[in-house]
């Protein structure tokens, strides 16, 4: 996971621990599944608002 961003790594670790898929993360954070995929694959840079939404969901899930 050396080439992953910190947020991408956090999402992947969270999904493993909670046995969740990208669609669960998307639903909980109110982002699109495509955006979650893009953030994890680092093909897009998330906005501050998207980062906050993802971290808030992972903290409270």
C-alpha atoms as a PDB file:
ATOM      1  CA  UNK A   1       0.000   0.000   0.000  1.00  0.00           C
ATOM      2  CA  UNK A   2       3.015   2.278  -0.298  1.00  0.00           C
ATOM      3  CA  UNK A   3       1.616   4.113  -3.317  1.00  0.00           C
ATOM      4  CA  UNK A   4      -1.788   4.833  -1.797  1.00  0.00           C
ATOM      5  CA  UNK A   5      -2.829   8.148  -0.358  1.00  0.00           C
ATOM      6  CA  UNK A   6      -3.563   8.257   3.355  1.00  0.00           C
ATOM      7  CA  UNK A   7      -7.294   8.628   2.732  1.00  0.00           C
ATOM      8  CA  UNK A   8      -7.374   5.748   0.234  1.00  0.00           C
ATOM      9  CA  UNK A   9      -5.567   3.564   2.742  1.00  0.00           C
ATOM     10  CA  UNK A  10      -7.991   4.590   5.509  1.00  0.00           C
ATOM     11  CA  UNK A  11     -10.986   3.686   3.338  1.00  0.00           C
ATOM     12  CA  UNK A  12      -9.538   0.305   2.376  1.00  0.00           C
ATOM     13  CA  UNK A  13      -8.658  -0.545   5.986  1.00  0.00           C
ATOM     14  CA  UNK A  14     -12.106   0.557   7.146  1.00  0.00           C
ATOM     15  CA  UNK A  15     -13.823  -1.587   4.501  1.00  0.00           C
ATOM     16  CA  UNK A  16     -11.801  -4.627   5.577  1.00  0.00           C
ATOM     17  CA  UNK A  17     -12.514  -4.118   9.284  1.00  0.00           C
ATOM     18  CA  UNK A  18     -16.225  -3.464   8.820  1.00  0.00           C
ATOM     19  CA  UNK A  19     -16.745  -5.904   5.914  1.00  0.00           C
ATOM     20  CA  UNK A  20     -18.154  -3.113   3.768  1.00  0.00           C
ATOM     21  CA  UNK A  21     -18.021  -2.442   0.051  1.00  0.00           C
ATOM     22  CA  UNK A  22     -17.626   0.827  -1.829  1.00  0.00           C
ATOM     23  CA  UNK A  23     -21.400   1.130  -2.221  1.00  0.00           C
ATOM     24  CA  UNK A  24     -21.790   1.013   1.585  1.00  0.00           C
ATOM     25  CA  UNK A  25     -19.198   3.765   1.973  1.00  0.00           C
ATOM     26  CA  UNK A  26     -20.851   5.813  -0.759  1.00  0.00           C
ATOM     27  CA  UNK A  27     -24.304   5.471   0.781  1.00  0.00           C
ATOM     28  CA  UNK A  28     -23.086   6.338   4.270  1.00  0.00           C
ATOM     29  CA  UNK A  29     -21.026   9.323   3.187  1.00  0.00           C
ATOM     30  CA  UNK A  30     -23.530  10.488   0.544  1.00  0.00           C
ATOM     31  CA  UNK A  31     -20.882  10.415  -2.186  1.00  0.00           C
ATOM     32  CA  UNK A  32     -21.276   8.554  -5.452  1.00  0.00           C
ATOM     33  CA  UNK A  33     -19.838   5.058  -5.749  1.00  0.00           C
ATOM     34  CA  UNK A  34     -17.791   6.330  -8.682  1.00  0.00           C
ATOM     35  CA  UNK A  35     -16.258   9.063  -6.524  1.00  0.00           C
ATOM     36  CA  UNK A  36     -15.348   6.550  -3.806  1.00  0.00           C
ATOM     37  CA  UNK A  37     -13.700   4.346  -6.468  1.00  0.00           C
ATOM     38  CA  UNK A  38     -11.832   7.347  -7.864  1.00  0.00           C
ATOM     39  CA  UNK A  39     -10.599   8.427  -4.443  1.00  0.00           C
ATOM     40  CA  UNK A  40      -9.395   4.895  -3.655  1.00  0.00           C
ATOM     41  CA  UNK A  41      -7.651   4.552  -7.022  1.00  0.00           C
ATOM     42  CA  UNK A  42      -6.295   8.101  -6.678  1.00  0.00           C
ATOM     43  CA  UNK A  43      -7.595   9.157 -10.101  1.00  0.00           C
ATOM     44  CA  UNK A  44      -9.179  12.202  -8.496  1.00  0.00           C
ATOM     45  CA  UNK A  45      -8.345  14.455  -5.595  1.00  0.00           C
ATOM     46  CA  UNK A  46     -11.243  14.687  -3.147  1.00  0.00           C
ATOM     47  CA  UNK A  47     -12.497  18.065  -2.029  1.00  0.00           C
ATOM     48  CA  UNK A  48     -12.224  19.026   1.626  1.00  0.00           C
ATOM     49  CA  UNK A  49     -15.969  18.477   1.929  1.00  0.00           C
ATOM     50  CA  UNK A  50     -15.669  14.935   0.518  1.00  0.00           C
ATOM     51  CA  UNK A  51     -12.809  14.121   2.881  1.00  0.00           C
ATOM     52  CA  UNK A  52     -14.862  15.377   5.830  1.00  0.00           C
ATOM     53  CA  UNK A  53     -17.907  13.347   4.744  1.00  0.00           C
ATOM     54  CA  UNK A  54     -15.863  10.155   4.410  1.00  0.00           C
ATOM     55  CA  UNK A  55     -14.043  10.598   7.711  1.00  0.00           C
ATOM     56  CA  UNK A  56     -17.275  11.509   9.519  1.00  0.00           C
ATOM     57  CA  UNK A  57     -18.952   8.356   8.203  1.00  0.00           C
ATOM     58  CA  UNK A  58     -15.996   6.130   9.096  1.00  0.00           C
ATOM     59  CA  UNK A  59     -15.821   7.630  12.584  1.00  0.00           C
ATOM     60  CA  UNK A  60     -19.528   7.085  13.278  1.00  0.00           C
ATOM     61  CA  UNK A  61     -20.130   3.757  11.510  1.00  0.00           C
END
